[in-house]
Protein backbone atom coordinates (compact mmCIF):
# COMPACT_ATOMS: atom_id res chain seq x y z
CA MET A 1 -61.18 116.60 95.12
CA ARG A 2 -57.61 116.25 96.30
CA VAL A 3 -54.64 116.02 93.92
CA VAL A 4 -51.65 113.81 94.71
CA VAL A 5 -48.33 113.18 92.93
CA ASP A 6 -46.59 109.84 93.52
CA HIS A 7 -42.91 110.83 93.64
CA SER A 8 -41.79 107.24 93.22
CA LEU A 9 -43.27 107.41 89.70
CA CYS A 10 -42.72 111.07 88.77
CA GLU A 11 -39.92 111.73 86.27
CA GLY A 12 -40.39 115.49 86.21
CA ASN A 13 -41.55 115.69 82.60
CA GLY A 14 -43.54 118.81 83.50
CA ARG A 15 -46.57 118.00 81.40
CA CYS A 16 -48.78 118.64 84.43
CA VAL A 17 -47.27 122.10 84.88
CA GLU A 18 -48.05 122.90 81.25
CA ALA A 19 -51.66 121.70 81.64
CA ALA A 20 -52.36 123.24 85.06
CA PRO A 21 -49.67 125.78 86.01
CA GLY A 22 -51.39 127.08 89.13
CA ILE A 23 -51.83 123.61 90.56
CA PHE A 24 -48.45 121.98 89.84
CA GLU A 25 -44.87 123.19 89.84
CA LEU A 26 -41.58 121.60 88.83
CA ARG A 27 -38.89 122.00 91.47
CA ASP A 28 -35.10 121.84 91.45
CA ASP A 29 -35.14 118.11 92.23
CA ASP A 30 -36.90 117.52 88.87
CA GLN A 31 -40.10 116.40 90.54
CA SER A 32 -43.59 117.80 90.10
CA TYR A 33 -45.32 119.04 93.24
CA VAL A 34 -48.90 119.95 93.95
CA VAL A 35 -49.14 123.63 94.87
CA GLU A 36 -52.90 123.64 95.39
CA GLU A 37 -53.83 120.26 96.86
CA GLN A 38 -57.57 120.94 96.80
CA PRO A 39 -58.20 123.07 93.72
CA PRO A 40 -61.66 124.46 93.05
CA GLN A 41 -64.01 122.41 90.92
CA SER A 42 -63.75 125.10 88.24
CA LEU A 43 -60.20 123.85 87.52
CA ARG A 44 -61.24 120.20 87.24
CA ALA A 45 -60.78 120.09 83.47
CA LYS A 46 -57.17 121.28 83.80
CA VAL A 47 -56.45 118.72 86.53
CA ASP A 48 -58.01 115.95 84.43
CA LEU A 49 -55.83 117.01 81.50
CA ALA A 50 -52.73 116.94 83.69
CA VAL A 51 -53.61 113.42 84.86
CA SER A 52 -54.11 112.21 81.29
CA LEU A 53 -50.88 113.81 80.02
CA CYS A 54 -48.62 112.35 82.71
CA PRO A 55 -46.46 109.75 80.92
CA ARG A 56 -45.77 107.88 84.16
CA GLN A 57 -49.34 108.07 85.53
CA ALA A 58 -47.96 109.62 88.72
CA ILE A 59 -50.92 111.95 89.37
CA ARG A 60 -54.10 110.85 91.10
CA ILE A 61 -57.32 112.59 91.99
CA ILE A 62 -58.89 111.52 95.26
CA GLU A 63 -62.55 112.36 95.51
CA ASP A 64 -63.58 113.78 98.89
């Protein structure tokens, strides 16, 4: 899987960082960024939670 944040939608709410702190980070421009673009499958539940918690639906999972 590959994780992508659409910065045209992201408002920097940081919900993804709370759900999956090793995968996302909130930067000074108040945008969330993917730190680990291809996280291991063992973190899938955290990534799925981050996707579901995003109020702007700015996070996508692309299956490889």
